[in-house]
Amino acid sequence: MKRLLLGLGLLCLCALPLGAANPPVRVAVKAAQMIDGKSERPISPAIVLIEDDRIVAVGPAVTIPPDARVLDLGRATLLPGLIDMHDHLTVVPENLGYKGLGVSVPREALYGASNAEKTLHAGFTSVRNVGAAGYSDVALRDAIASGDIPGPRLLVSGPALGITGGHCDNNLLPSEFHFREGGVADGPWEARAKVREVVKYGADVIKICASGGVLSKGDLPGTAQYTPEEMKALIEEAHRLGRKVAAHAHGTQSIKEAILAGVDSVEHASLIDEEGIRLARERGTFLVMDIYNDDYILQMGPKVGMLPESIEKEKALGRQQRENFGKAVKGGVRMAFGTDGGVYPHGENAKQFAYMVQYGMTPMQAIQAATVNAAELAGWKDKVGSIEAGKFADLIAVSGDPLADIRALESVGFVMKGGAVVKNELK
């Protein structure tokens, strides 16, 4: 009898139509207007139809199925989830001086878990994390992807690659410790080997240090570090392995050498000159310029323990970087949004938009830098960056109109990632 009942049960299951057990979850999001990331003008009104984690239809007159859950956001403005292409989720400002020597890799990963949630709630549904000790960002990416913790979609680099004693090394300890960071590699073949190593352990993107930096000890932002030969070798190796390369480069010479070596994006680009702008435009190299955090470093850096020499370096650099940002915008260079999160408190990423507008971008250009442009640089333009059918349902909404006041993006009231509502505080 038991066998008979089991057999009948199996026959009943087989008779069910395919997909009947798990029908798609349909959600319709409505708003007064939508900036879809691609169009030059807002769409009004806006309806986005979602099935499971993907967008299936977009427009002012989409038919809403009777079984769809409707989220009516009223007079809000709907946008694609924002993307920050230069972040350090496992870092906090208080640890950028000597205090950082006491931070373990597991502790970094826990910082990352907290900061990932803050960043997601700020409306950034995708992030490129460029530099983390001990592959803590790889662990963070995998935990988010598995649904263990909330956070943005992540591209991660693991340890940043650099020369002995350079910006991507740790120069805070005396010689008897014989310490160097995990990404240090000198010479073309050692650099190639290091690319292979970080890819082996989970890196999606390669971060290199072509110049000195602000928050490192004993070097200068304007000085070149990796040689053209070293950069060509490691960039070639990274591209052979299907990885893009982001080059930290403040200095005029190092910016041009990185572009000529074939780098995909130049980070910071503080001292870029007219020739560097021309090279970036002609070669299609993205610039990712963090022009907000100067304020935080100068105002709060001494209080949180940043090195005195770092404060002095920032005083000499910040204003020039902002002015050169404006020149790069006028020069027609491709720009992607990146903030250097971790230098300032996480969750404040959107404060940079106002500076991008102040120094030369239109509000729409600033939004596109953090949506379609960033998605292209990430290699994710078929997944995120705009509100269109086939892409992940990563959406945000704000009460105001960011085209009239870009600071509206500093108060994101609604966040959806992959069709799931993460936050809804719109009033």
Protein backbone atom coordinates (compact mmCIF):
# COMPACT_ATOMS: atom_id res chain seq x y z
CA MET A 1 0.00 0.00 0.00
CA LYS A 2 2.83 2.42 0.90
CA ARG A 3 4.52 1.75 -2.44
CA LEU A 4 1.25 2.28 -4.27
CA LEU A 5 0.62 5.63 -2.55
CA LEU A 6 4.19 6.76 -3.25
CA GLY A 7 3.83 5.85 -6.89
CA LEU A 8 0.55 7.73 -7.21
CA GLY A 9 2.15 10.77 -5.56
CA LEU A 10 5.03 10.76 -8.02
CA LEU A 11 2.59 10.47 -10.94
CA CYS A 12 0.67 13.49 -9.64
CA LEU A 13 3.87 15.51 -9.37
CA CYS A 14 4.92 14.57 -12.90
CA ALA A 15 1.50 15.63 -14.19
CA LEU A 16 1.95 19.19 -12.90
CA PRO A 17 2.87 21.71 -15.63
CA LEU A 18 6.48 22.86 -15.58
CA GLY A 19 6.96 25.97 -13.49
CA ALA A 20 3.65 25.62 -11.67
CA ALA A 21 5.34 24.98 -8.34
CA ASN A 22 7.41 28.17 -8.52
CA PRO A 23 5.62 30.89 -10.47
CA PRO A 24 7.63 34.08 -10.99
CA VAL A 25 7.34 36.79 -8.36
CA ARG A 26 6.07 39.90 -10.11
CA VAL A 27 6.50 43.41 -8.76
CA ALA A 28 5.53 46.71 -10.39
CA VAL A 29 7.30 49.86 -9.18
CA LYS A 30 5.58 53.15 -9.98
CA ALA A 31 6.96 56.68 -9.58
CA ALA A 32 6.26 60.19 -10.82
CA GLN A 33 9.38 60.22 -12.95
CA MET A 34 12.38 58.08 -13.80
CA ILE A 35 15.98 58.80 -14.78
CA ASP A 36 16.83 55.53 -16.49
CA GLY A 37 20.59 56.10 -16.82
CA LYS A 38 20.62 56.20 -20.62
CA SER A 39 18.05 58.78 -21.73
CA GLU A 40 18.97 62.44 -21.61
CA ARG A 41 15.54 63.35 -20.25
CA PRO A 42 13.45 61.88 -17.43
CA ILE A 43 10.54 59.57 -18.24
CA SER A 44 7.24 60.54 -16.66
CA PRO A 45 5.29 58.77 -15.29
CA ALA A 46 7.35 55.64 -14.73
CA ILE A 47 6.43 51.98 -14.35
CA VAL A 48 9.03 49.23 -13.96
CA LEU A 49 7.78 45.64 -14.12
CA ILE A 50 10.00 43.06 -12.41
CA GLU A 51 9.94 39.26 -12.42
CA ASP A 52 12.05 37.70 -9.70
CA ASP A 53 15.38 39.59 -9.82
CA ARG A 54 15.15 41.05 -13.35
CA ILE A 55 13.42 43.93 -15.08
CA VAL A 56 11.02 42.76 -17.81
CA ALA A 57 9.35 45.99 -18.94
CA VAL A 58 9.86 49.74 -18.51
CA GLY A 59 7.85 52.76 -19.58
CA PRO A 60 5.06 55.20 -18.85
CA ALA A 61 2.29 52.81 -19.90
CA VAL A 62 3.42 49.28 -18.96
CA THR A 63 0.55 46.86 -18.38
CA ILE A 64 0.66 45.61 -14.80
CA PRO A 65 -0.38 41.94 -14.44
CA PRO A 66 -3.17 41.28 -11.92
CA ASP A 67 -0.88 39.07 -9.80
CA ALA A 68 1.85 41.72 -9.47
CA ARG A 69 2.57 43.44 -6.19
CA VAL A 70 2.48 47.20 -6.78
CA LEU A 71 4.92 49.55 -5.05
CA ASP A 72 3.68 53.08 -5.64
CA LEU A 73 6.43 55.56 -4.75
CA GLY A 74 4.21 58.57 -5.43
CA ARG A 75 6.04 61.74 -6.47
CA ALA A 76 9.50 60.21 -6.09
CA THR A 77 12.19 60.07 -8.75
CA LEU A 78 13.30 56.56 -9.67
CA LEU A 79 16.91 55.85 -10.73
CA PRO A 80 19.18 52.87 -11.35
CA GLY A 81 21.11 51.62 -8.33
CA LEU A 82 24.26 53.73 -8.00
CA ILE A 83 27.78 52.36 -8.54
CA ASP A 84 30.96 53.42 -6.71
CA MET A 85 34.03 52.32 -8.66
CA HIS A 86 36.63 53.19 -6.01
CA ASP A 87 35.83 52.02 -2.52
CA HIS A 88 37.55 50.33 0.41
CA LEU A 89 34.76 48.68 2.36
CA THR A 90 37.10 46.92 4.79
CA VAL A 91 38.75 50.20 5.81
CA VAL A 92 37.62 52.95 8.23
CA PRO A 93 39.20 56.43 8.54
CA GLU A 94 40.30 55.86 12.13
CA ASN A 95 42.69 53.11 11.00
CA LEU A 96 44.55 55.07 8.32
CA GLY A 97 47.44 55.93 10.64
CA TYR A 98 49.41 53.88 13.16
CA LYS A 99 46.22 52.46 14.70
CA GLY A 100 45.82 50.37 11.58
CA LEU A 101 48.78 48.21 12.59
CA GLY A 102 46.56 46.60 15.21
CA VAL A 103 43.83 45.55 12.78
CA SER A 104 43.75 41.87 11.82
CA VAL A 105 42.44 40.50 8.53
CA PRO A 106 39.36 38.97 10.25
CA ARG A 107 38.66 42.38 11.82
CA GLU A 108 38.91 44.00 8.38
CA ALA A 109 36.34 41.55 7.05
CA LEU A 110 33.97 42.46 9.90
CA TYR A 111 34.41 46.15 9.15
CA GLY A 112 33.53 45.26 5.58
CA ALA A 113 30.29 43.55 6.59
CA SER A 114 29.14 46.63 8.49
CA ASN A 115 30.24 49.08 5.80
CA ALA A 116 28.68 47.07 2.98
CA GLU A 117 25.25 47.41 4.55
CA LYS A 118 25.71 51.16 5.12
CA THR A 119 26.76 51.60 1.49
CA LEU A 120 23.81 49.61 0.18
CA HIS A 121 21.38 51.65 2.27
CA ALA A 122 22.93 54.81 0.80
CA GLY A 123 21.76 53.65 -2.64
CA PHE A 124 24.94 52.05 -3.97
CA THR A 125 23.91 48.62 -5.18
CA SER A 126 27.25 47.89 -6.89
CA VAL A 127 30.79 48.65 -5.73
CA ARG A 128 34.32 48.02 -7.00
CA ASN A 129 36.56 47.44 -4.00
CA VAL A 130 40.14 48.33 -4.93
CA GLY A 131 42.54 47.13 -2.27
CA ALA A 132 42.08 45.01 0.87
CA ALA A 133 44.44 43.04 3.08
CA GLY A 134 44.41 39.26 3.13
CA TYR A 135 41.60 38.91 0.57
CA SER A 136 39.11 40.18 3.15
CA ASP A 137 37.18 41.75 0.27
CA VAL A 138 36.98 38.38 -1.51
CA ALA A 139 35.38 36.90 1.62
CA LEU A 140 33.02 39.88 1.78
CA ARG A 141 32.00 39.52 -1.87
CA ASP A 142 31.30 35.82 -1.46
CA ALA A 143 29.31 36.30 1.76
CA ILE A 144 27.10 38.90 0.08
CA ALA A 145 26.64 36.76 -3.03
CA SER A 146 25.63 33.79 -0.86
CA GLY A 147 23.04 35.87 0.97
CA ASP A 148 24.82 35.57 4.31
CA ILE A 149 24.99 39.36 4.80
CA PRO A 150 23.45 42.37 3.03
CA GLY A 151 25.57 44.47 0.73
CA PRO A 152 26.15 45.69 -2.82
CA ARG A 153 27.27 43.56 -5.74
CA LEU A 154 31.05 43.55 -5.51
CA LEU A 155 34.03 43.49 -7.82
CA VAL A 156 37.15 43.04 -5.68
CA SER A 157 40.90 43.25 -6.15
CA GLY A 158 42.37 41.64 -3.05
CA PRO A 159 45.78 43.15 -2.21
CA ALA A 160 46.82 46.11 -4.36
CA LEU A 161 50.05 45.60 -6.33
CA GLY A 162 52.97 47.98 -5.81
CA ILE A 163 56.72 48.37 -5.40
CA THR A 164 58.74 47.81 -2.24
CA GLY A 165 58.30 50.88 -0.05
CA GLY A 166 55.64 52.36 -2.30
CA HIS A 167 52.09 53.52 -1.69
CA CYS A 168 50.76 49.95 -1.74
CA ASP A 169 53.33 48.73 0.76
CA ASN A 170 53.18 49.33 4.53
CA ASN A 171 55.96 51.68 5.61
CA LEU A 172 54.91 52.25 9.24
CA LEU A 173 57.12 49.55 10.81
CA PRO A 174 60.92 49.72 11.27
CA SER A 175 63.33 47.48 9.36
CA GLU A 176 63.69 44.78 12.03
CA PHE A 177 60.12 43.63 11.33
CA HIS A 178 60.97 42.86 7.67
CA PHE A 179 57.32 43.43 6.79
CA ARG A 180 55.87 44.06 3.39
CA GLU A 181 52.31 43.98 2.13
CA GLY A 182 50.94 40.99 0.27
CA GLY A 183 50.73 42.80 -3.06
CA VAL A 184 54.35 43.96 -3.29
CA ALA A 185 56.04 42.84 -6.51
CA ASP A 186 59.19 44.29 -8.09
CA GLY A 187 60.21 43.77 -11.71
CA PRO A 188 58.14 42.67 -14.73
CA TRP A 189 58.16 38.93 -14.06
CA GLU A 190 57.48 39.22 -10.35
CA ALA A 191 54.63 41.58 -11.22
CA ARG A 192 53.20 39.02 -13.66
CA ALA A 193 53.46 36.34 -11.00
CA LYS A 194 51.66 38.54 -8.48
CA VAL A 195 48.80 39.12 -10.94
CA ARG A 196 48.46 35.35 -11.30
CA GLU A 197 48.51 34.96 -7.53
CA VAL A 198 45.76 37.46 -6.76
CA VAL A 199 43.61 36.03 -9.57
CA LYS A 200 44.16 32.55 -8.09
CA TYR A 201 42.78 33.73 -4.76
CA GLY A 202 39.71 35.46 -6.14
CA ALA A 203 40.47 38.91 -7.57
CA ASP A 204 37.97 40.20 -10.15
CA VAL A 205 40.06 43.28 -10.97
CA ILE A 206 43.73 44.20 -10.54
CA LYS A 207 44.66 47.34 -8.58
CA ILE A 208 48.17 48.74 -9.03
CA CYS A 209 50.03 51.72 -7.60
CA ALA A 210 51.71 53.71 -10.37
CA SER A 211 52.57 56.67 -8.13
CA GLY A 212 53.01 57.68 -4.52
CA GLY A 213 50.01 58.57 -2.41
CA VAL A 214 48.53 60.85 0.21
CA LEU A 215 47.80 58.44 3.04
CA SER A 216 51.02 56.41 2.82
CA LYS A 217 54.19 57.16 4.76
CA GLY A 218 57.45 58.27 3.16
CA ASP A 219 56.44 58.87 -0.46
CA LEU A 220 55.02 61.71 -2.54
CA PRO A 221 51.85 61.63 -4.65
CA GLY A 222 53.56 63.21 -7.66
CA THR A 223 56.41 60.70 -7.91
CA ALA A 224 56.28 57.69 -10.23
CA GLN A 225 56.61 54.21 -8.72
CA TYR A 226 55.91 51.28 -11.04
CA THR A 227 58.00 51.65 -14.21
CA PRO A 228 56.40 51.51 -17.67
CA GLU A 229 58.00 48.07 -18.21
CA GLU A 230 56.50 46.71 -14.99
CA MET A 231 53.08 48.16 -15.77
CA LYS A 232 53.05 46.82 -19.32
CA ALA A 233 53.91 43.36 -18.05
CA LEU A 234 51.28 43.19 -15.34
CA ILE A 235 48.55 44.84 -17.45
CA GLU A 236 49.23 42.41 -20.28
CA GLU A 237 49.06 39.51 -17.82
CA ALA A 238 45.85 40.79 -16.27
CA HIS A 239 44.18 41.21 -19.66
CA ARG A 240 45.30 37.72 -20.69
CA LEU A 241 43.48 36.44 -17.61
CA GLY A 242 40.35 38.47 -18.34
CA ARG A 243 40.86 41.09 -15.62
CA LYS A 244 40.75 44.86 -15.96
CA VAL A 245 43.38 47.03 -14.28
CA ALA A 246 42.85 50.13 -12.15
CA ALA A 247 45.94 52.29 -11.60
CA HIS A 248 46.33 54.52 -8.56
CA ALA A 249 48.14 57.50 -10.11
CA HIS A 250 48.29 61.05 -8.77
CA GLY A 251 51.42 62.19 -10.62
CA THR A 252 51.51 63.72 -14.09
CA GLN A 253 54.14 61.30 -15.39
CA SER A 254 52.65 58.19 -13.83
CA ILE A 255 49.18 59.00 -15.21
CA LYS A 256 50.51 59.15 -18.78
CA GLU A 257 52.71 56.08 -18.35
CA ALA A 258 49.75 54.08 -17.02
CA ILE A 259 47.54 55.13 -19.93
CA LEU A 260 50.23 54.26 -22.48
CA ALA A 261 50.74 50.90 -20.77
CA GLY A 262 47.08 50.07 -21.42
CA VAL A 263 45.42 50.54 -18.04
CA ASP A 264 41.61 50.50 -18.02
CA SER A 265 41.13 53.28 -15.46
CA VAL A 266 43.26 55.87 -13.73
CA GLU A 267 42.30 56.44 -10.11
CA HIS A 268 42.64 59.91 -8.53
CA ALA A 269 44.42 61.51 -11.55
CA SER A 270 45.10 64.56 -9.37
CA LEU A 271 47.93 66.13 -11.38
CA ILE A 272 46.78 65.19 -14.87
CA ASP A 273 47.88 67.68 -17.56
CA GLU A 274 46.56 68.49 -21.03
CA GLU A 275 48.59 65.71 -22.62
CA GLY A 276 47.25 63.22 -20.10
CA ILE A 277 43.70 64.36 -20.82
CA ARG A 278 44.32 63.94 -24.56
CA LEU A 279 45.78 60.46 -24.10
CA ALA A 280 42.88 59.36 -21.90
CA ARG A 281 40.34 60.66 -24.43
CA GLU A 282 42.07 59.09 -27.44
CA ARG A 283 42.57 55.71 -25.78
CA GLY A 284 39.19 55.56 -24.06
CA THR A 285 40.74 55.32 -20.60
CA PHE A 286 38.35 56.05 -17.74
CA LEU A 287 39.25 58.56 -15.04
CA VAL A 288 37.93 57.89 -11.53
CA MET A 289 38.54 61.06 -9.53
CA ASP A 290 37.64 61.21 -5.82
CA ILE A 291 37.00 64.93 -5.35
CA TYR A 292 34.87 64.86 -2.18
CA ASN A 293 37.18 63.34 0.43
CA ASP A 294 39.59 66.30 0.49
CA ASP A 295 37.15 68.03 2.83
CA TYR A 296 37.06 65.11 5.26
CA ILE A 297 40.84 64.63 5.30
CA LEU A 298 41.54 68.28 6.07
CA GLN A 299 38.75 68.70 8.61
CA MET A 300 38.78 65.35 10.39
CA GLY A 301 42.09 63.72 9.47
CA PRO A 302 44.08 65.03 12.47
CA LYS A 303 41.26 64.04 14.85
CA VAL A 304 41.03 60.43 13.63
CA GLY A 305 44.78 59.83 13.61
CA MET A 306 45.85 60.32 10.00
CA LEU A 307 49.57 61.02 9.66
CA PRO A 308 50.59 64.72 9.81
CA GLU A 309 52.50 64.28 6.55
CA SER A 310 49.29 62.99 4.92
CA ILE A 311 47.44 66.15 5.93
CA GLU A 312 50.20 68.29 4.40
CA LYS A 313 50.16 66.26 1.18
CA GLU A 314 46.39 66.66 0.90
CA LYS A 315 46.67 70.44 1.40
CA ALA A 316 48.99 70.60 -1.60
CA LEU A 317 46.89 68.28 -3.78
CA GLY A 318 43.15 68.57 -3.18
CA ARG A 319 42.45 71.86 -4.92
CA GLN A 320 44.51 70.90 -7.96
CA GLN A 321 42.65 67.62 -8.29
CA ARG A 322 39.28 69.40 -8.34
CA GLU A 323 40.42 71.93 -10.92
CA ASN A 324 41.86 69.17 -13.11
CA PHE A 325 38.60 67.26 -12.79
CA GLY A 326 36.90 70.22 -14.47
CA LYS A 327 39.51 70.26 -17.22
CA ALA A 328 39.04 66.54 -17.84
CA VAL A 329 35.26 66.98 -18.09
CA LYS A 330 35.72 69.77 -20.65
CA GLY A 331 38.28 67.62 -22.45
CA GLY A 332 35.70 64.90 -23.11
CA VAL A 333 37.35 62.14 -21.09
CA ARG A 334 35.20 59.20 -20.00
CA MET A 335 34.53 59.54 -16.27
CA ALA A 336 33.26 57.01 -13.76
CA PHE A 337 32.11 57.74 -10.22
CA GLY A 338 34.52 56.75 -7.45
CA THR A 339 34.93 58.19 -3.96
CA ASP A 340 37.75 56.38 -2.12
CA GLY A 341 35.28 55.27 0.55
CA GLY A 342 37.08 54.39 3.76
CA VAL A 343 38.99 57.66 3.67
CA TYR A 344 35.69 59.17 4.85
CA PRO A 345 32.86 57.34 6.74
CA HIS A 346 31.00 54.79 4.62
CA GLY A 347 27.51 55.66 3.53
CA GLU A 348 28.42 59.24 2.59
CA ASN A 349 29.35 58.29 -0.99
CA ALA A 350 26.65 60.47 -2.56
CA LYS A 351 28.15 63.65 -1.11
CA GLN A 352 30.57 63.63 -4.04
CA PHE A 353 27.83 64.36 -6.61
CA ALA A 354 27.58 68.00 -5.56
CA TYR A 355 31.32 68.48 -6.09
CA MET A 356 31.17 66.87 -9.52
CA VAL A 357 28.50 69.37 -10.52
CA GLN A 358 30.34 72.28 -8.90
CA TYR A 359 33.48 71.45 -10.86
CA GLY A 360 32.00 71.09 -14.30
CA MET A 361 29.49 68.28 -14.80
CA THR A 362 25.79 68.66 -15.41
CA PRO A 363 23.61 66.75 -12.93
CA MET A 364 22.81 64.21 -15.65
CA GLN A 365 26.50 63.67 -16.42
CA ALA A 366 27.20 63.11 -12.73
CA ILE A 367 24.37 60.56 -12.49
CA GLN A 368 25.56 58.77 -15.62
CA ALA A 369 29.09 58.62 -14.20
CA ALA A 370 27.63 56.55 -11.35
CA THR A 371 25.35 54.43 -13.53
CA VAL A 372 25.96 53.60 -17.21
CA ASN A 373 29.58 54.79 -17.29
CA ALA A 374 30.50 52.91 -14.12
CA ALA A 375 28.73 49.79 -15.39
CA GLU A 376 30.75 49.93 -18.59
CA LEU A 377 34.03 50.25 -16.73
CA ALA A 378 33.04 47.39 -14.44
CA GLY A 379 32.28 45.16 -17.43
CA TRP A 380 28.69 44.89 -16.18
CA LYS A 381 26.81 46.99 -18.73
CA ASP A 382 24.56 44.01 -19.53
CA LYS A 383 23.68 43.60 -15.84
CA VAL A 384 23.38 46.98 -14.11
CA GLY A 385 23.70 50.73 -14.67
CA SER A 386 20.38 51.48 -16.34
CA ILE A 387 16.71 50.69 -15.95
CA GLU A 388 15.90 48.48 -18.92
CA ALA A 389 14.53 45.03 -19.64
CA GLY A 390 16.91 42.16 -18.96
CA LYS A 391 18.99 43.89 -16.29
CA PHE A 392 18.96 43.27 -12.56
CA ALA A 393 16.19 45.08 -10.73
CA ASP A 394 18.57 47.38 -8.87
CA LEU A 395 16.59 50.57 -8.25
CA ILE A 396 16.68 53.56 -5.94
CA ALA A 397 14.33 56.48 -5.40
CA VAL A 398 14.58 59.94 -3.86
CA SER A 399 11.89 62.40 -2.83
CA GLY A 400 13.27 65.33 -4.80
CA ASP A 401 14.45 65.85 -8.36
CA PRO A 402 18.24 65.27 -8.58
CA LEU A 403 18.38 67.12 -11.90
CA ALA A 404 17.19 70.25 -10.10
CA ASP A 405 19.19 69.60 -6.92
CA ILE A 406 21.84 66.89 -7.13
CA ARG A 407 22.01 66.77 -3.33
CA ALA A 408 18.72 64.85 -3.39
CA LEU A 409 20.90 61.78 -3.95
CA GLU A 410 22.35 62.25 -0.46
CA SER A 411 18.98 61.15 0.98
CA VAL A 412 18.00 57.94 -0.79
CA GLY A 413 14.65 56.78 0.58
CA PHE A 414 14.09 53.58 -1.41
CA VAL A 415 16.57 50.86 -2.33
CA MET A 416 15.87 47.65 -4.24
CA LYS A 417 18.56 45.13 -5.13
CA GLY A 418 17.73 42.22 -7.42
CA GLY A 419 14.00 42.73 -6.99
CA ALA A 420 14.13 42.67 -3.19
CA VAL A 421 13.30 45.84 -1.25
CA VAL A 422 16.22 46.70 1.01
CA LYS A 423 14.92 50.04 2.29
CA ASN A 424 11.71 52.02 1.92
CA GLU A 425 11.60 55.21 3.95
CA LEU A 426 9.94 57.48 1.41
CA LYS A 427 7.37 59.82 2.91
